[in-house]
Amino acid sequence: MTNQLLEQLRFSSNGVKDGLAMTSLIDEAYTQQIALNHSLEKYLLIDSSKVGKDDFSSFCDLKELNAVLMDNKDLEKKERIESYVEVIS
């Protein structure tokens, strides 16, 4: 995979805090970083319950994404994410 380029990547995370997508496993974070580094378009898929949730390892800065896809259940959390990147609901 490291020699190929992905046109579009859609991925998830265990939590998003301070503009960073996070996961609990270092190996998963490493794999996600490889995929992100080889993708033209990057979209994070989360629900609002993940916003503000901290986890063990960060692997992605939201400012590097094309957009975040998430629900509209909590407008305050949506606005927090919008301070970093476009949110598609």
Protein backbone atom coordinates (compact mmCIF):
# COMPACT_ATOMS: atom_id res chain seq x y z
CA MET A 1 0.00 0.00 0.00
CA THR A 2 2.86 2.42 0.64
CA ASN A 3 3.59 2.68 -3.09
CA GLN A 4 -0.02 3.25 -4.13
CA LEU A 5 -2.15 6.37 -4.00
CA LEU A 6 -5.75 6.19 -2.81
CA GLU A 7 -8.23 8.54 -4.45
CA GLN A 8 -10.46 8.83 -1.39
CA LEU A 9 -10.19 7.55 2.18
CA ARG A 10 -13.05 7.38 4.66
CA PHE A 11 -12.04 6.36 8.16
CA SER A 12 -13.18 6.56 11.76
CA SER A 13 -11.61 7.15 15.15
CA ASN A 14 -12.34 6.37 18.79
CA GLY A 15 -12.28 10.02 19.76
CA VAL A 16 -11.57 13.56 18.61
CA LYS A 17 -10.05 16.08 20.99
CA ASP A 18 -8.16 19.36 20.47
CA GLY A 19 -8.31 18.96 16.70
CA LEU A 20 -6.81 15.46 16.68
CA ALA A 21 -8.35 12.11 15.73
CA MET A 22 -7.40 9.44 18.25
CA THR A 23 -7.34 5.67 18.67
CA SER A 24 -6.44 3.27 21.46
CA LEU A 25 -3.87 1.18 19.57
CA ILE A 26 -0.48 2.38 18.35
CA ASP A 27 -0.51 -0.17 15.51
CA GLU A 28 -3.88 1.11 14.31
CA ALA A 29 -2.64 4.71 14.48
CA TYR A 30 0.40 3.77 12.39
CA THR A 31 -1.75 2.00 9.78
CA GLN A 32 -4.16 4.94 9.62
CA GLN A 33 -1.24 7.37 9.14
CA ILE A 34 0.10 5.33 6.21
CA ALA A 35 -3.32 5.33 4.53
CA LEU A 36 -3.79 9.06 5.18
CA ASN A 37 -0.36 9.90 3.79
CA HIS A 38 -1.24 8.10 0.56
CA SER A 39 -4.73 9.52 0.01
CA LEU A 40 -5.82 12.45 -2.13
CA GLU A 41 -9.09 13.08 -0.26
CA LYS A 42 -9.58 12.33 3.44
CA TYR A 43 -12.90 12.10 5.31
CA LEU A 44 -13.37 11.26 8.98
CA LEU A 45 -16.68 9.58 9.89
CA ILE A 46 -17.74 10.04 13.52
CA ASP A 47 -20.83 10.52 15.63
CA SER A 48 -21.06 13.45 18.02
CA SER A 49 -20.36 11.22 21.04
CA LYS A 50 -16.72 10.95 19.87
CA VAL A 51 -16.11 14.72 20.10
CA GLY A 52 -14.17 15.61 23.24
CA LYS A 53 -13.26 11.98 23.86
CA ASP A 54 -9.57 11.40 24.57
CA ASP A 55 -7.74 8.19 23.67
CA PHE A 56 -4.23 6.76 23.80
CA SER A 57 -2.72 7.76 20.46
CA SER A 58 -3.45 10.61 18.04
CA PHE A 59 -2.93 9.91 14.35
CA CYS A 60 -4.48 12.77 12.38
CA ASP A 61 -4.86 16.54 12.58
CA LEU A 62 -8.36 17.56 11.51
CA LYS A 63 -6.92 20.48 9.54
CA GLU A 64 -5.40 17.95 7.11
CA LEU A 65 -8.84 16.55 6.16
CA ASN A 66 -11.24 17.48 3.39
CA ALA A 67 -14.20 17.16 5.78
CA VAL A 68 -15.69 15.37 8.77
CA LEU A 69 -18.97 13.51 8.32
CA MET A 70 -21.02 13.51 11.54
CA ASP A 71 -24.54 13.76 12.92
CA ASN A 72 -26.34 16.92 14.06
CA LYS A 73 -27.27 15.68 17.54
CA ASP A 74 -25.06 18.18 19.37
CA LEU A 75 -24.60 21.55 17.67
CA GLU A 76 -21.93 22.68 20.16
CA LYS A 77 -19.77 19.67 19.30
CA LYS A 78 -20.37 20.24 15.60
CA GLU A 79 -19.18 23.84 15.97
CA ARG A 80 -16.03 22.65 17.77
CA ILE A 81 -15.15 20.45 14.81
CA GLU A 82 -16.03 23.23 12.34
CA SER A 83 -13.30 25.37 13.90
CA TYR A 84 -10.82 22.93 12.28
CA VAL A 85 -12.52 21.57 9.15
CA GLU A 86 -15.79 21.51 7.20
CA VAL A 87 -18.51 19.30 8.71
CA ILE A 88 -20.94 17.42 6.49
CA SER A 89 -24.11 16.24 8.23
